[in-house]
Structure formats: C-alpha cells, structure tokens
Amino acid sequence: MNAATPASPPRHRTTDIPARLDRLPWSRWHWRVVIALGIAWVLDGLEVTLVGSVGSVLERPDTLGLSAAQIGGAGSLYIGGAVLGALVFGRMADRLGRKKLFLITLAVYTAASFATAFSTDFLFFAVCRFITGVGIGGEYAAINSAIDELIPARVRGRVNLAINGSFWLGAAMGAGLSLVLLDPRVLGPVWGWRVGFGLGALLALSILLIRRDVPESPRWLMAHGREAEALAVIEAIEARVAAEHGPLPPVPLAQHHAFVAGGTAPSLRRVAQVLFHRYRQRSIVALALMVSQAFFYNAIFFTYALVLTRFHGVPAGRVALYIFPFALGNVLGPLLLGPLFDRVGRRRMIALTYTLSGVGLALTGAAFMAGWLDALTQALCWSAVFFLASAAASSAYLTVSEVFPLEMRALAISLFYAVGTGAGGFAAPFLFGLLIETGSRDAVAAGYALGAVLVVAAGLIALRWGVDAERRSLEDIAPPMGSEDGSRYST
C-alpha cells in the first residue's frame, strides 16, 4: 500500500449553473448586487473629483502649499497605486474568490481615504493617494469579475456600462461636497477638503456592511471544485427571484457547459499562453482600448480644475460648479447608449463611441487653442464629448471582463488595467500638469490631439478584431481553460 495517494487529476464535468444565472428575470436581488458592488466606481469618482475640485485649494499656503506639478504627480501616484492593487488583488481574486477580495479591497480604500484627511504635506498626501489607489485598483479586478459572472447575458452589456458609468455619480457627489465644504460660510478651504475625504471613507464603510450579503460567484465555486457550495448559492438566488417573479423555467440540456472539477488558478505561464497565443487578437483589442481611454480620461479630468483656474479665471471655490455638466454627460452616455451594446453589438458600438469621442476631443482642443471657449462653453463641450467617451471607456472594462476564461478573468482584468492605465493613465496627469504650467494653450491642445488620435485608433482596432459578445454566455465567448478544444462536454 502506498504511503501517500497522489491527488486525483481534475475531472471534466458539466454544469447548468451559467444557464440558470443567465435565464433569471431581473429582480430586486440583481439591484442589490449592482448597488453593493457598483459603489466601487462611485467611490473612485468621488476620490478623483475631490482631488480635481480642490486641486487649486491645495496650492494655497494655508492648506498643503502644493504646486500644479505636485497635484498632477499625486494623480499619477493614485493611478500607480491602482495599477499595483489591480495586479496583486487580481491574482488573489482568481485564487481566493471574488467575495473575499471585494471585501478586502474596499477596506483598504476606506482606511486610506480616511487617512488622507489628516495629510500634513505633499509626502503624506501622496502616500495616502497611492494606498487609496491600491484599494481602487483591486476593486476593479474583483468587482468586474463578480458582476459579469452574476448578471444575465442578455443585459450584461448595459448593466456593465451603467455600473462603470456610475463613476460620474461619485464625481457629482465629489463636486457637490467640495462646493459646500469649501464655502467659507460652511467650513472653508482650510478644513473643507479634509472633511470631504473623511465623508468618502464613511460612505465606503457603510457599503462594506452591505457587501457582506453578496454571495460568492457560483461560477468561480464550480471551477474550484466546490460544487455543493455553488449549488447552494444558485438555489438561494433562484428562491429569492422566484419569490418575486414566480416559478422559473427549466434549463435545456443543450445549455449545460463544461468545467474542470477541482481546478485551480492557472500558472502565469499558462495565462501568458492564453493571452499571447490562443486569444492574441482579443489581447490586442483589450490593450488598445484600455491604454487609449486611460490617457483620454486621466489627462483631462485630473487637471480639469487647473485648466478652469489658469486659463478661464474660475475662482477655486467655484470649480465644482463646472463639474456638474461634465458629470451629467458622463452618466447619461452609458445609461442611454448601453442598451445598444446588447442590441446593435459590441464591435460596432465600441468603434462608434471611440472614434466619435476622439473627433469631439480634437474639435474641442482646437476651439480651446483658438480662444473661442469660456469656462461654461468649455464645460458644455466636455459634456458632449464625454457623453460618448464615458460609454467608450466603460466598454473597455466590459470587453476585458467577458472575453477571457473564468479561471483567469480577474487576472486578465488586472493585467490590462495595469498595462493600459500604467501607460495611458500614469503619465497623462503628470504630462498635462507640465503642459498647463507652461501657460500655453497650444501646448495643452497638442496633448488633447494626442488623446484624440489614440482613441480613434483604438476604435478602428476594435471594429476589425473585436468579439461579438452580445447576449452570449461567458462560457460560449471563452470556454474553460481545461477544455482544450473549447467544446462542451456531454453528460
């Protein structure tokens, strides 16, 4: 008798869990998941807008006395932290599960945001911004994975876009907070910005309590051999939905999908093989979309307050007023255009929103350079441009989260987010901070032109090589890694 019995190799099995999730009618349970998980983007928008709105306030000697370059640098450090957080927590989300990670990452964000309120100088502020970014970066990987794995396929596009677009609800909240808190009749510049960060942490803490009731992804549980837990989760979900909508229809045998019982997170070598060989074209599309949208957004938004104060003479305490039309366009874009990503299709809508937003950015940059815009018309132009750009940027996250296999989904999101944001987002705030420091409209407009070229090119790449993923099960789009031929197994 052998002293030790070798572990049994993974077994090919079938499951109806993906089809059971996809057939569910929209319910109060889905709304609860969307609110509990989608808050990640609201918090990110709150953080970014607070920094953008109070950027000129932080230049005052009675606050932190920062320079424009330091403010841009803090934005870059926030992005750098998000890159690191995505890489670290994305890998962990595939190994340990979605739920553990979306609780841990929100806790990191909450602590760092609260600490930001106590910043005493640039170094303290920069470190806090970096750690806050670590939490947000981890959120993107764990949350996008969980949302796509829980939401029915027929509405996955519009829901994903709406959730990603909720960043701008946070932006509006941040603008409103800064407008009130910076008012000398309330708290004023010296204390107002500190209270703003503290309130952001309080919001995150309340959401942390709600998230505890969101279940682990049944798809992830099946892939890791925890079949009994997966069945218990799906049955509990079905019971709640059936109580609202009545009996649910059975799942046809033809909709059963393959999985590998007892599988584990793939090695990095295996991940590289999938990205660079099996799904090379998908990787090119994902990288182009993530890099271009990161540059586009971070270049403009992290320095928006500086443009308003330096070139349009807007008082620091009034900057937040100009965030509202900007945020409105960004919220409405994904909400109104999102259904078209499920009806018209992914490739066509990604290409359309990317190319048109690039053209809009170029035209706005030209008008800014010519001096045709004042603060209000500049804000209205950005609102129109980002109506399209917000849907485009949201579709980048949707693309990455649905075109790679479940076993490496969170890591794939984190890798493309990290590379795209590192290349496009980390450099952009610092670059535009330097361009604004020159005081030259031509220099700033040249930066806008670069962003326009990047997004137009990305849109054309998506049109050529993108995946028609609309209304399809995740397992149809990217079969499990264990099924080498990509086919389903029969029972």
Protein backbone atom coordinates (compact mmCIF):
# COMPACT_ATOMS: atom_id res chain seq x y z
CA MET A 1 0.00 0.00 0.00
CA ASN A 2 1.41 3.37 -0.97
CA ALA A 3 2.32 5.72 1.84
CA ALA A 4 0.59 8.59 0.08
CA THR A 5 -2.12 8.68 -2.53
CA PRO A 6 -1.46 11.15 -5.32
CA ALA A 7 -4.06 13.83 -5.85
CA SER A 8 -6.69 12.96 -8.41
CA PRO A 9 -6.38 14.89 -11.67
CA PRO A 10 -9.08 17.45 -12.44
CA ARG A 11 -12.21 15.88 -13.96
CA HIS A 12 -14.21 17.24 -16.88
CA ARG A 13 -17.80 17.77 -15.79
CA THR A 14 -20.84 19.72 -16.95
CA THR A 15 -22.96 22.26 -15.13
CA ASP A 16 -26.16 24.16 -15.77
CA ILE A 17 -25.26 26.97 -13.36
CA PRO A 18 -24.26 29.52 -16.06
CA ALA A 19 -27.55 28.93 -17.89
CA ARG A 20 -29.51 29.14 -14.65
CA LEU A 21 -27.93 32.53 -13.91
CA ASP A 22 -28.49 33.79 -17.47
CA ARG A 23 -32.18 32.83 -17.55
CA LEU A 24 -33.10 34.76 -14.40
CA PRO A 25 -35.50 37.69 -14.83
CA TRP A 26 -34.26 40.99 -13.48
CA SER A 27 -35.10 41.21 -9.80
CA ARG A 28 -34.56 43.06 -6.55
CA TRP A 29 -31.67 40.68 -5.87
CA HIS A 30 -29.90 41.91 -9.02
CA TRP A 31 -30.41 45.50 -7.94
CA ARG A 32 -28.85 44.69 -4.58
CA VAL A 33 -25.79 43.19 -6.25
CA VAL A 34 -25.44 46.15 -8.61
CA ILE A 35 -25.64 48.68 -5.78
CA ALA A 36 -23.34 46.79 -3.41
CA LEU A 37 -20.65 46.14 -6.00
CA GLY A 38 -21.09 49.09 -8.32
CA ILE A 39 -20.26 51.50 -5.49
CA ALA A 40 -16.58 50.94 -6.38
CA TRP A 41 -16.90 53.29 -9.33
CA VAL A 42 -18.87 55.83 -7.30
CA LEU A 43 -16.06 55.90 -4.75
CA ASP A 44 -13.42 56.23 -7.46
CA GLY A 45 -15.32 59.13 -8.97
CA LEU A 46 -15.68 60.74 -5.55
CA GLU A 47 -11.95 60.46 -4.89
CA VAL A 48 -10.83 61.73 -8.27
CA THR A 49 -13.27 64.63 -8.28
CA LEU A 50 -12.39 65.72 -4.76
CA VAL A 51 -8.76 65.98 -5.78
CA GLY A 52 -9.69 67.67 -9.06
CA SER A 53 -12.06 70.13 -7.40
CA VAL A 54 -9.76 71.01 -4.53
CA GLY A 55 -6.59 70.95 -6.62
CA SER A 56 -6.24 74.72 -6.70
CA VAL A 57 -7.18 74.89 -3.00
CA LEU A 58 -4.28 72.59 -2.15
CA GLU A 59 -1.94 75.11 -3.78
CA ARG A 60 -2.74 77.63 -1.04
CA PRO A 61 -0.06 78.12 1.63
CA ASP A 62 -2.64 77.69 4.41
CA THR A 63 -3.52 74.16 3.16
CA LEU A 64 -0.72 71.97 1.73
CA GLY A 65 1.02 74.52 -0.50
CA LEU A 66 1.33 72.14 -3.46
CA SER A 67 2.42 73.10 -6.97
CA ALA A 68 0.46 72.19 -10.12
CA ALA A 69 3.12 69.58 -10.93
CA GLN A 70 2.75 68.07 -7.45
CA ILE A 71 -1.03 67.88 -7.85
CA GLY A 72 -0.58 66.16 -11.18
CA GLY A 73 2.06 63.93 -9.61
CA ALA A 74 -0.33 62.93 -6.82
CA GLY A 75 -2.81 61.96 -9.50
CA SER A 76 -0.18 59.83 -11.15
CA LEU A 77 0.64 58.16 -7.83
CA TYR A 78 -3.04 57.38 -7.32
CA ILE A 79 -3.03 55.68 -10.73
CA GLY A 80 0.25 53.92 -9.88
CA GLY A 81 -1.30 52.54 -6.71
CA ALA A 82 -4.32 51.38 -8.68
CA VAL A 83 -2.02 49.53 -11.07
CA LEU A 84 -0.25 47.77 -8.22
CA GLY A 85 -3.52 46.98 -6.47
CA ALA A 86 -5.01 45.52 -9.62
CA LEU A 87 -2.03 43.24 -10.17
CA VAL A 88 -1.84 41.99 -6.59
CA PHE A 89 -5.52 41.65 -5.84
CA GLY A 90 -6.49 40.47 -9.33
CA ARG A 91 -4.35 37.37 -8.98
CA MET A 92 -5.73 36.80 -5.50
CA ALA A 93 -9.33 37.11 -6.73
CA ASP A 94 -8.78 34.18 -9.10
CA ARG A 95 -7.16 32.11 -6.35
CA LEU A 96 -9.22 33.01 -3.28
CA GLY A 97 -12.55 34.08 -4.72
CA ARG A 98 -14.36 37.25 -5.71
CA LYS A 99 -16.07 37.88 -2.38
CA LYS A 100 -13.00 37.82 -0.14
CA LEU A 101 -11.26 40.29 -2.37
CA PHE A 102 -14.07 42.78 -2.87
CA LEU A 103 -14.33 42.99 0.93
CA ILE A 104 -10.57 43.37 1.45
CA THR A 105 -10.07 45.97 -1.27
CA LEU A 106 -12.92 48.14 -0.01
CA ALA A 107 -11.43 48.02 3.49
CA VAL A 108 -8.05 49.20 2.12
CA TYR A 109 -9.74 52.05 0.29
CA THR A 110 -11.70 53.10 3.37
CA ALA A 111 -8.65 53.27 5.64
CA ALA A 112 -6.51 55.17 3.11
CA SER A 113 -9.23 57.67 2.23
CA PHE A 114 -9.76 58.42 5.92
CA ALA A 115 -6.02 58.90 6.43
CA THR A 116 -5.90 61.39 3.52
CA ALA A 117 -7.98 63.78 5.60
CA PHE A 118 -5.06 64.10 8.02
CA SER A 119 -2.38 64.94 5.41
CA THR A 120 0.19 67.49 6.56
CA ASP A 121 2.42 67.84 3.49
CA PHE A 122 2.94 66.54 -0.04
CA LEU A 123 4.65 63.31 1.06
CA PHE A 124 1.85 62.35 3.47
CA PHE A 125 -0.80 63.27 0.90
CA ALA A 126 0.99 61.37 -1.90
CA VAL A 127 1.38 58.19 0.18
CA CYS A 128 -2.31 58.26 1.13
CA ARG A 129 -3.30 58.77 -2.50
CA PHE A 130 -1.12 55.84 -3.54
CA ILE A 131 -2.65 53.46 -0.99
CA THR A 132 -6.16 54.65 -1.86
CA GLY A 133 -5.35 53.78 -5.47
CA VAL A 134 -4.20 50.31 -4.37
CA GLY A 135 -7.67 49.66 -2.95
CA ILE A 136 -9.49 51.01 -6.01
CA GLY A 137 -7.29 49.01 -8.41
CA GLY A 138 -8.09 45.82 -6.56
CA GLU A 139 -11.78 46.72 -6.69
CA TYR A 140 -11.77 46.89 -10.48
CA ALA A 141 -10.50 43.31 -10.87
CA ALA A 142 -12.68 41.64 -8.23
CA ILE A 143 -15.83 43.63 -8.96
CA ASN A 144 -15.86 43.37 -12.75
CA SER A 145 -15.37 39.61 -12.44
CA ALA A 146 -18.19 39.19 -9.93
CA ILE A 147 -20.64 41.41 -11.80
CA ASP A 148 -20.19 39.68 -15.16
CA GLU A 149 -20.48 36.26 -13.53
CA LEU A 150 -23.75 37.14 -11.74
CA ILE A 151 -25.63 39.25 -14.33
CA PRO A 152 -27.77 37.59 -17.09
CA ALA A 153 -26.11 37.54 -20.52
CA ARG A 154 -28.95 39.36 -22.30
CA VAL A 155 -28.38 42.55 -20.25
CA ARG A 156 -24.70 42.18 -19.34
CA GLY A 157 -23.59 44.99 -21.66
CA ARG A 158 -25.98 47.67 -20.49
CA VAL A 159 -25.58 46.76 -16.81
CA ASN A 160 -21.78 46.74 -17.01
CA LEU A 161 -21.71 50.08 -18.81
CA ALA A 162 -24.17 51.66 -16.37
CA ILE A 163 -22.12 50.47 -13.40
CA ASN A 164 -18.86 51.73 -14.85
CA GLY A 165 -20.58 55.00 -15.72
CA SER A 166 -21.61 55.39 -12.09
CA PHE A 167 -18.09 56.76 -11.58
CA TRP A 168 -19.69 60.04 -12.53
CA LEU A 169 -22.33 59.84 -9.85
CA GLY A 170 -19.37 59.84 -7.50
CA ALA A 171 -17.90 62.72 -9.47
CA ALA A 172 -21.08 64.74 -8.99
CA MET A 173 -21.07 63.87 -5.28
CA GLY A 174 -17.45 64.97 -5.00
CA ALA A 175 -18.21 68.21 -6.80
CA GLY A 176 -21.20 68.89 -4.57
CA LEU A 177 -19.25 68.11 -1.43
CA SER A 178 -16.37 70.36 -2.38
CA LEU A 179 -18.74 73.18 -3.37
CA VAL A 180 -20.42 73.09 0.03
CA LEU A 181 -17.44 72.27 2.22
CA LEU A 182 -15.10 74.83 0.63
CA ASP A 183 -17.64 77.61 1.12
CA PRO A 184 -16.25 79.97 3.80
CA ARG A 185 -19.73 80.09 5.33
CA VAL A 186 -19.56 76.34 5.98
CA LEU A 187 -16.02 75.10 6.62
CA GLY A 188 -13.86 76.93 4.10
CA PRO A 189 -10.76 75.81 2.16
CA VAL A 190 -8.55 75.01 5.16
CA TRP A 191 -10.81 72.34 6.67
CA GLY A 192 -13.36 71.61 3.95
CA TRP A 193 -11.17 69.37 1.80
CA ARG A 194 -10.23 67.26 4.83
CA VAL A 195 -13.86 66.66 5.80
CA GLY A 196 -14.61 65.69 2.19
CA PHE A 197 -12.17 62.78 2.29
CA GLY A 198 -13.48 61.74 5.70
CA LEU A 199 -17.05 61.60 4.38
CA GLY A 200 -15.90 59.46 1.45
CA ALA A 201 -14.45 56.96 3.89
CA LEU A 202 -17.71 56.94 5.86
CA LEU A 203 -19.68 56.11 2.70
CA ALA A 204 -17.30 53.25 1.91
CA LEU A 205 -17.70 51.85 5.42
CA SER A 206 -21.48 51.73 5.06
CA ILE A 207 -21.20 49.88 1.74
CA LEU A 208 -18.76 47.41 3.28
CA LEU A 209 -21.57 46.27 5.57
CA ILE A 210 -23.95 45.75 2.62
CA ARG A 211 -21.41 43.77 0.62
CA ARG A 212 -21.25 41.02 3.21
CA ASP A 213 -24.61 39.72 1.89
CA VAL A 214 -23.43 39.42 -1.74
CA PRO A 215 -22.63 35.74 -2.43
CA GLU A 216 -19.52 34.25 -3.93
CA SER A 217 -19.72 33.70 -7.70
CA PRO A 218 -21.22 30.21 -8.29
CA ARG A 219 -19.18 30.01 -11.49
CA TRP A 220 -15.95 30.50 -9.53
CA LEU A 221 -17.02 27.93 -6.93
CA MET A 222 -17.68 25.33 -9.64
CA ALA A 223 -14.33 25.96 -11.28
CA HIS A 224 -12.61 25.36 -7.93
CA GLY A 225 -14.36 22.08 -7.20
CA ARG A 226 -16.76 23.49 -4.61
CA GLU A 227 -19.86 22.10 -6.30
CA ALA A 228 -22.03 21.79 -3.20
CA GLU A 229 -21.43 25.44 -2.27
CA ALA A 230 -22.12 26.55 -5.84
CA LEU A 231 -25.43 24.69 -5.90
CA ALA A 232 -26.42 26.12 -2.53
CA VAL A 233 -25.69 29.66 -3.77
CA ILE A 234 -27.61 29.31 -7.05
CA GLU A 235 -30.57 27.70 -5.29
CA ALA A 236 -30.70 30.55 -2.78
CA ILE A 237 -30.60 33.10 -5.61
CA GLU A 238 -33.34 31.28 -7.52
CA ALA A 239 -35.52 31.11 -4.43
CA ARG A 240 -35.32 34.88 -3.95
CA VAL A 241 -36.02 35.60 -7.63
CA ALA A 242 -38.87 33.05 -7.81
CA ALA A 243 -40.49 34.61 -4.76
CA GLU A 244 -40.72 37.84 -6.75
CA HIS A 245 -41.45 36.54 -10.28
CA GLY A 246 -42.93 33.08 -9.81
CA PRO A 247 -41.61 29.64 -10.93
CA LEU A 248 -38.53 29.70 -13.17
CA PRO A 249 -38.33 27.74 -16.44
CA PRO A 250 -36.08 24.65 -16.59
CA VAL A 251 -32.70 24.78 -18.30
CA PRO A 252 -32.41 22.69 -21.51
CA LEU A 253 -29.64 20.09 -21.57
CA ALA A 254 -28.13 21.80 -24.60
CA GLN A 255 -27.28 24.80 -22.41
CA HIS A 256 -25.08 22.86 -20.00
CA HIS A 257 -21.45 23.99 -20.04
CA ALA A 258 -18.15 22.28 -19.43
CA PHE A 259 -15.97 22.98 -16.45
CA VAL A 260 -12.99 21.34 -14.77
CA ALA A 261 -13.88 19.99 -11.34
CA GLY A 262 -11.22 20.73 -8.74
CA GLY A 263 -9.39 23.20 -10.97
CA THR A 264 -7.11 25.90 -9.56
CA ALA A 265 -5.95 29.29 -10.74
CA PRO A 266 -3.69 28.77 -13.78
CA SER A 267 0.03 29.41 -13.69
CA LEU A 268 1.36 32.68 -15.07
CA ARG A 269 2.94 30.73 -17.91
CA ARG A 270 -0.46 29.28 -18.81
CA VAL A 271 -2.03 32.74 -18.61
CA ALA A 272 0.61 34.11 -20.97
CA GLN A 273 -0.08 31.28 -23.42
CA VAL A 274 -3.79 32.12 -23.43
CA LEU A 275 -3.21 35.85 -23.84
CA PHE A 276 -0.47 35.77 -26.46
CA HIS A 277 -1.38 32.67 -28.41
CA ARG A 278 -4.95 31.42 -28.01
CA TYR A 279 -6.51 34.90 -27.76
CA ARG A 280 -3.86 37.12 -29.31
CA GLN A 281 -6.30 39.32 -31.25
CA ARG A 282 -8.52 39.79 -28.20
CA SER A 283 -5.47 40.88 -26.23
CA ILE A 284 -4.53 43.47 -28.85
CA VAL A 285 -8.05 44.91 -28.79
CA ALA A 286 -8.19 44.97 -24.98
CA LEU A 287 -4.82 46.69 -24.69
CA ALA A 288 -5.68 49.34 -27.29
CA LEU A 289 -9.00 50.13 -25.61
CA MET A 290 -7.54 50.34 -22.10
CA VAL A 291 -4.48 52.45 -22.98
CA SER A 292 -6.38 54.98 -25.05
CA GLN A 293 -9.28 55.50 -22.66
CA ALA A 294 -6.93 55.79 -19.69
CA PHE A 295 -4.91 58.53 -21.37
CA PHE A 296 -8.05 60.25 -22.61
CA TYR A 297 -9.74 60.40 -19.23
CA ASN A 298 -6.88 60.91 -16.83
CA ALA A 299 -5.21 63.58 -18.96
CA ILE A 300 -8.29 65.73 -18.93
CA PHE A 301 -10.02 65.06 -15.66
CA PHE A 302 -7.10 65.10 -13.24
CA THR A 303 -6.18 68.59 -14.48
CA TYR A 304 -9.68 69.92 -15.21
CA ALA A 305 -9.64 72.29 -12.23
CA LEU A 306 -6.25 73.68 -13.25
CA VAL A 307 -7.49 74.47 -16.77
CA LEU A 308 -10.50 76.29 -15.36
CA THR A 309 -8.48 78.35 -12.88
CA ARG A 310 -5.40 79.04 -15.04
CA PHE A 311 -7.00 79.69 -18.44
CA HIS A 312 -10.58 80.72 -17.65
CA GLY A 313 -10.08 82.56 -14.35
CA VAL A 314 -12.58 80.48 -12.37
CA PRO A 315 -12.20 81.03 -8.59
CA ALA A 316 -11.03 77.91 -6.76
CA GLY A 317 -14.21 77.71 -4.70
CA ARG A 318 -16.37 77.70 -7.86
CA VAL A 319 -14.61 74.94 -9.78
CA ALA A 320 -17.08 72.29 -8.61
CA LEU A 321 -19.95 74.07 -10.41
CA TYR A 322 -18.36 73.18 -13.72
CA ILE A 323 -18.08 69.51 -12.79
CA PHE A 324 -21.86 69.01 -12.87
CA PRO A 325 -22.46 69.36 -16.64
CA PHE A 326 -19.31 67.33 -17.23
CA ALA A 327 -20.54 64.58 -14.90
CA LEU A 328 -24.06 64.66 -16.39
CA GLY A 329 -22.78 63.84 -19.86
CA ASN A 330 -20.65 61.04 -18.46
CA VAL A 331 -23.57 59.47 -16.56
CA LEU A 332 -26.10 59.74 -19.38
CA GLY A 333 -23.77 58.27 -22.03
CA PRO A 334 -23.58 54.71 -20.63
CA LEU A 335 -27.23 54.78 -19.50
CA LEU A 336 -28.64 55.81 -22.88
CA LEU A 337 -26.14 54.07 -25.15
CA GLY A 338 -25.69 50.94 -23.01
CA PRO A 339 -28.71 49.04 -24.41
CA LEU A 340 -27.29 49.46 -27.93
CA PHE A 341 -24.23 47.43 -26.90
CA ASP A 342 -26.60 44.48 -26.36
CA ARG A 343 -28.79 45.16 -29.42
CA VAL A 344 -26.53 46.60 -32.13
CA GLY A 345 -23.49 44.70 -30.87
CA ARG A 346 -20.18 45.19 -29.12
CA ARG A 347 -17.82 45.79 -32.05
CA ARG A 348 -19.95 48.38 -33.83
CA MET A 349 -20.79 50.37 -30.72
CA ILE A 350 -17.23 50.30 -29.36
CA ALA A 351 -15.88 51.55 -32.68
CA LEU A 352 -18.57 54.23 -32.96
CA THR A 353 -18.15 55.64 -29.44
CA TYR A 354 -14.35 55.59 -29.55
CA THR A 355 -13.99 57.29 -32.93
CA LEU A 356 -16.67 59.94 -32.34
CA SER A 357 -15.31 60.83 -28.90
CA GLY A 358 -11.85 61.22 -30.46
CA VAL A 359 -13.20 63.57 -33.13
CA GLY A 360 -15.05 65.54 -30.45
CA LEU A 361 -11.90 65.88 -28.34
CA ALA A 362 -9.89 67.12 -31.32
CA LEU A 363 -12.51 69.75 -32.19
CA THR A 364 -12.77 70.92 -28.57
CA GLY A 365 -8.98 71.17 -28.34
CA ALA A 366 -8.89 73.29 -31.49
CA ALA A 367 -11.58 75.63 -30.15
CA PHE A 368 -9.71 75.92 -26.83
CA MET A 369 -6.46 76.76 -28.65
CA ALA A 370 -8.22 79.43 -30.71
CA GLY A 371 -9.65 81.03 -27.56
CA TRP A 372 -13.27 80.51 -28.64
CA LEU A 373 -14.34 78.90 -25.35
CA ASP A 374 -15.04 80.37 -21.94
CA ALA A 375 -15.44 78.31 -18.76
CA LEU A 376 -19.11 77.49 -19.41
CA THR A 377 -18.78 76.57 -23.09
CA GLN A 378 -15.67 74.53 -22.27
CA ALA A 379 -17.70 72.55 -19.72
CA LEU A 380 -20.56 72.05 -22.19
CA CYS A 381 -18.16 70.84 -24.90
CA TRP A 382 -16.64 68.34 -22.46
CA SER A 383 -20.12 67.19 -21.50
CA ALA A 384 -20.94 66.39 -25.14
CA VAL A 385 -17.58 64.70 -25.80
CA PHE A 386 -17.72 62.58 -22.68
CA PHE A 387 -21.31 61.52 -23.33
CA LEU A 388 -19.65 59.30 -25.93
CA ALA A 389 -16.32 58.81 -24.19
CA SER A 390 -17.89 57.52 -20.98
CA ALA A 391 -19.69 54.74 -22.85
CA ALA A 392 -16.48 54.02 -24.75
CA ALA A 393 -14.32 53.79 -21.63
CA SER A 394 -16.90 51.62 -19.86
CA SER A 395 -16.95 49.26 -22.84
CA ALA A 396 -13.20 48.72 -22.43
CA TYR A 397 -13.77 47.20 -18.97
CA LEU A 398 -16.71 45.20 -20.33
CA THR A 399 -14.55 43.81 -23.13
CA VAL A 400 -11.73 42.67 -20.88
CA SER A 401 -14.06 41.10 -18.34
CA GLU A 402 -16.02 38.93 -20.78
CA VAL A 403 -13.61 37.71 -23.49
CA PHE A 404 -11.20 35.65 -21.35
CA PRO A 405 -11.81 32.37 -19.44
CA LEU A 406 -13.25 32.35 -15.94
CA GLU A 407 -10.16 30.78 -14.38
CA MET A 408 -8.09 33.88 -15.24
CA ARG A 409 -10.79 36.54 -15.58
CA ALA A 410 -9.78 38.72 -12.62
CA LEU A 411 -6.09 38.47 -13.50
CA ALA A 412 -6.81 39.39 -17.13
CA ILE A 413 -8.77 42.45 -16.00
CA SER A 414 -5.95 43.47 -13.67
CA LEU A 415 -3.24 42.93 -16.29
CA PHE A 416 -4.92 45.02 -18.97
CA TYR A 417 -5.99 47.62 -16.46
CA ALA A 418 -2.44 47.79 -15.13
CA VAL A 419 -0.72 47.98 -18.51
CA GLY A 420 -3.30 50.28 -20.04
CA THR A 421 -3.56 52.57 -17.05
CA GLY A 422 0.16 52.49 -16.41
CA ALA A 423 0.91 53.52 -19.99
CA GLY A 424 -2.01 55.86 -20.56
CA GLY A 425 -3.08 56.97 -17.12
CA PHE A 426 0.06 57.26 -15.05
CA ALA A 427 1.85 59.57 -17.48
CA ALA A 428 -1.15 61.66 -18.52
CA PRO A 429 -1.85 63.68 -15.33
CA PHE A 430 1.82 64.50 -14.86
CA LEU A 431 2.25 65.38 -18.56
CA PHE A 432 -0.77 67.66 -18.60
CA GLY A 433 0.29 69.24 -15.32
CA LEU A 434 3.54 70.23 -17.02
CA LEU A 435 1.72 71.45 -20.15
CA ILE A 436 -0.57 73.63 -18.04
CA GLU A 437 2.43 75.02 -16.16
CA THR A 438 3.72 76.44 -19.45
CA GLY A 439 0.62 78.64 -19.69
CA SER A 440 0.41 77.85 -23.40
CA ARG A 441 -2.96 76.94 -24.92
CA ASP A 442 -1.15 75.43 -27.89
CA ALA A 443 0.75 73.02 -25.63
CA VAL A 444 -2.42 71.87 -23.86
CA ALA A 445 -4.28 71.49 -27.17
CA ALA A 446 -1.43 69.34 -28.50
CA GLY A 447 -1.99 67.00 -25.57
CA TYR A 448 -5.69 66.83 -26.41
CA ALA A 449 -4.81 66.00 -30.02
CA LEU A 450 -2.64 63.09 -28.87
CA GLY A 451 -5.54 61.70 -26.82
CA ALA A 452 -7.85 62.01 -29.83
CA VAL A 453 -5.51 60.05 -32.08
CA LEU A 454 -5.19 57.25 -29.53
CA VAL A 455 -8.94 56.69 -29.08
CA VAL A 456 -9.72 56.83 -32.81
CA ALA A 457 -7.04 54.22 -33.48
CA ALA A 458 -8.41 52.01 -30.69
CA GLY A 459 -11.93 52.23 -32.14
CA LEU A 460 -10.74 51.09 -35.55
CA ILE A 461 -8.82 48.19 -33.99
CA ALA A 462 -11.96 47.08 -32.13
CA LEU A 463 -14.02 47.24 -35.32
CA ARG A 464 -11.54 44.97 -37.07
CA TRP A 465 -10.74 42.43 -34.33
CA GLY A 466 -13.36 42.85 -31.60
CA VAL A 467 -15.58 39.99 -30.38
CA ASP A 468 -19.35 39.84 -30.92
CA ALA A 469 -20.06 39.00 -27.29
CA GLU A 470 -23.56 40.45 -27.02
CA ARG A 471 -26.24 38.21 -25.46
CA ARG A 472 -23.85 35.24 -25.27
CA SER A 473 -22.96 33.19 -22.21
CA LEU A 474 -19.50 33.87 -20.82
CA GLU A 475 -18.68 30.18 -21.34
CA ASP A 476 -19.58 30.45 -25.04
CA ILE A 477 -17.39 33.50 -25.51
CA ALA A 478 -14.39 31.97 -23.70
CA PRO A 479 -14.68 28.23 -22.86
CA PRO A 480 -12.99 26.93 -19.69
CA MET A 481 -9.23 26.60 -19.94
CA GLY A 482 -9.43 22.89 -19.15
CA SER A 483 -11.47 22.16 -22.26
CA GLU A 484 -8.57 22.29 -24.66
CA ASP A 485 -10.67 22.04 -27.79
CA GLY A 486 -13.07 24.68 -26.50
CA SER A 487 -16.09 22.42 -26.90
CA ARG A 488 -18.78 21.40 -24.45
CA TYR A 489 -18.76 18.02 -22.84
CA SER A 490 -21.86 15.88 -22.94
CA THR A 491 -23.31 14.25 -19.87
